C-alpha atoms as a PDB file:
ATOM      1  CA  MET A   1      -0.083  -0.109   0.142  1.00  0.00           C
ATOM      2  CA  LYS A   2       1.336   3.487  -0.846  1.00  0.00           C
ATOM      3  CA  SER A   3       1.979   5.860   1.996  1.00  0.00           C
ATOM      4  CA  GLN A   4       0.149   9.111   1.476  1.00  0.00           C
ATOM      5  CA  LYS A   5       1.844  12.354   2.241  1.00  0.00           C
ATOM      6  CA  ALA A   6       0.212  14.587   4.896  1.00  0.00           C
ATOM      7  CA  LYS A   7      -1.659  17.406   3.478  1.00  0.00           C
ATOM      8  CA  ARG A   8       0.119  20.485   4.223  1.00  0.00           C
ATOM      9  CA  GLN A   9      -1.953  23.183   6.219  1.00  0.00           C
ATOM     10  CA  PHE A  10      -1.860  26.740   6.246  1.00  0.00           C
ATOM     11  CA  VAL A  11      -3.337  29.517   8.261  1.00  0.00           C
ATOM     12  CA  ILE A  12      -3.612  33.321   8.192  1.00  0.00           C
ATOM     13  CA  CYS A  13      -2.618  35.308  11.245  1.00  0.00           C
ATOM     14  CA  ILE A  14      -5.593  37.522  12.590  1.00  0.00           C
ATOM     15  CA  ARG A  15      -4.048  38.330  15.998  1.00  0.00           C
ATOM     16  CA  ASN A  16      -0.587  38.769  17.405  1.00  0.00           C
ATOM     17  CA  GLU A  17      -0.587  40.342  20.885  1.00  0.00           C
ATOM     18  CA  ASP A  18       2.682  39.897  22.455  1.00  0.00           C
ATOM     19  CA  CYS A  19       3.988  37.767  19.594  1.00  0.00           C
ATOM     20  CA  GLU A  20       6.800  39.873  17.835  1.00  0.00           C
ATOM     21  CA  ASP A  21       7.391  36.964  15.581  1.00  0.00           C
ATOM     22  CA  LEU A  22       3.870  37.155  13.903  1.00  0.00           C
ATOM     23  CA  GLU A  23       2.708  39.483  11.165  1.00  0.00           C
ATOM     24  CA  LEU A  24      -0.969  40.075  10.800  1.00  0.00           C
ATOM     25  CA  ARG A  25      -2.667  38.983   7.628  1.00  0.00           C
ATOM     26  CA  LYS A  26       0.449  36.665   6.659  1.00  0.00           C
ATOM     27  CA  ILE A  27       0.037  33.123   5.819  1.00  0.00           C
ATOM     28  CA  TYR A  28       1.954  30.525   7.935  1.00  0.00           C
ATOM     29  CA  GLN A  29       2.489  26.822   7.683  1.00  0.00           C
ATOM     30  CA  VAL A  30       1.210  24.569  10.374  1.00  0.00           C
ATOM     31  CA  LEU A  31       3.342  21.747  11.679  1.00  0.00           C
ATOM     32  CA  PRO A  32       1.493  18.732  12.995  1.00  0.00           C
ATOM     33  CA  ASP A  33       1.417  18.640  17.019  1.00  0.00           C
ATOM     34  CA  GLU A  34      -1.647  16.710  18.144  1.00  0.00           C
ATOM     35  CA  PRO A  35      -0.784  17.065  21.829  1.00  0.00           C
ATOM     36  CA  SER A  36      -0.625  20.925  21.619  1.00  0.00           C
ATOM     37  CA  SER A  37      -3.748  21.276  19.573  1.00  0.00           C
ATOM     38  CA  LYS A  38      -5.457  19.333  22.198  1.00  0.00           C
ATOM     39  CA  SER A  39      -4.552  22.455  24.639  1.00  0.00           C
ATOM     40  CA  GLY A  40      -5.786  25.078  22.112  1.00  0.00           C
ATOM     41  CA  CYS A  41      -2.254  25.675  20.427  1.00  0.00           C
ATOM     42  CA  ILE A  42      -0.967  25.401  17.137  1.00  0.00           C
ATOM     43  CA  ARG A  43       2.764  24.941  15.874  1.00  0.00           C
ATOM     44  CA  VAL A  44       3.685  27.402  13.148  1.00  0.00           C
ATOM     45  CA  ILE A  45       7.018  28.462  11.419  1.00  0.00           C
ATOM     46  CA  ASP A  46       6.985  32.098  12.295  1.00  0.00           C
ATOM     47  CA  GLU A  47       9.227  35.007  11.229  1.00  0.00           C
ATOM     48  CA  SER A  48      12.192  33.860  13.133  1.00  0.00           C
ATOM     49  CA  GLY A  49      12.150  30.683  10.716  1.00  0.00           C
ATOM     50  CA  GLU A  50      11.606  28.345  13.695  1.00  0.00           C
ATOM     51  CA  ASP A  51       8.355  26.852  14.715  1.00  0.00           C
ATOM     52  CA  TYR A  52       6.756  27.696  17.915  1.00  0.00           C
ATOM     53  CA  LEU A  53       3.337  27.330  19.566  1.00  0.00           C
ATOM     54  CA  TYR A  54       0.862  29.887  19.528  1.00  0.00           C
ATOM     55  CA  PRO A  55      -2.809  30.209  20.464  1.00  0.00           C
ATOM     56  CA  ALA A  56      -4.892  28.615  17.755  1.00  0.00           C
ATOM     57  CA  ASP A  57      -7.313  31.530  17.926  1.00  0.00           C
ATOM     58  CA  TYR A  58      -4.620  33.846  16.582  1.00  0.00           C
ATOM     59  CA  PHE A  59      -5.120  32.240  13.288  1.00  0.00           C
ATOM     60  CA  VAL A  60      -7.795  31.095  10.587  1.00  0.00           C
ATOM     61  CA  PRO A  61      -7.179  28.097   8.492  1.00  0.00           C
ATOM     62  CA  VAL A  62      -7.072  28.662   4.670  1.00  0.00           C
ATOM     63  CA  GLU A  63      -7.080  26.201   1.630  1.00  0.00           C
ATOM     64  CA  LEU A  64      -4.408  27.020  -0.812  1.00  0.00           C
ATOM     65  CA  PRO A  65      -4.306  25.517  -4.367  1.00  0.00           C
ATOM     66  CA  GLN A  66      -1.589  22.626  -4.323  1.00  0.00           C
ATOM     67  CA  ALA A  67       0.797  24.707  -6.479  1.00  0.00           C
ATOM     68  CA  VAL A  68       0.689  27.650  -4.071  1.00  0.00           C
ATOM     69  CA  ALA A  69       1.054  25.325  -1.035  1.00  0.00           C
ATOM     70  CA  LYS A  70       4.055  23.762  -2.520  1.00  0.00           C
ATOM     71  CA  VAL A  71       5.735  27.163  -3.069  1.00  0.00           C
ATOM     72  CA  PHE A  72       4.935  28.249   0.544  1.00  0.00           C
ATOM     73  CA  SER A  73       6.333  24.876   1.747  1.00  0.00           C
ATOM     74  CA  LYS A  74       9.621  25.428   0.066  1.00  0.00           C
ATOM     75  CA  VAL A  75       9.931  29.233   1.430  1.00  0.00           C
ATOM     76  CA  SER A  76       9.234  28.377   5.005  1.00  0.00           C
END
């Protein structure tokens, strides 16, 4: 059986209180982190280039066309 690649997930930042490494209205790639999602956080690659946990309500999920998602993944 073929293994399927995990679908890349992206979000747009809608809040950034006390988070210098987040820009409003910017698209960020989400990294899987199930334990954190259960506590209301998501892991994203922020402006520092590193992945960190942020409150999930700082973001809104977005669906990007596959070609666009691929480009965003390479840039991150």
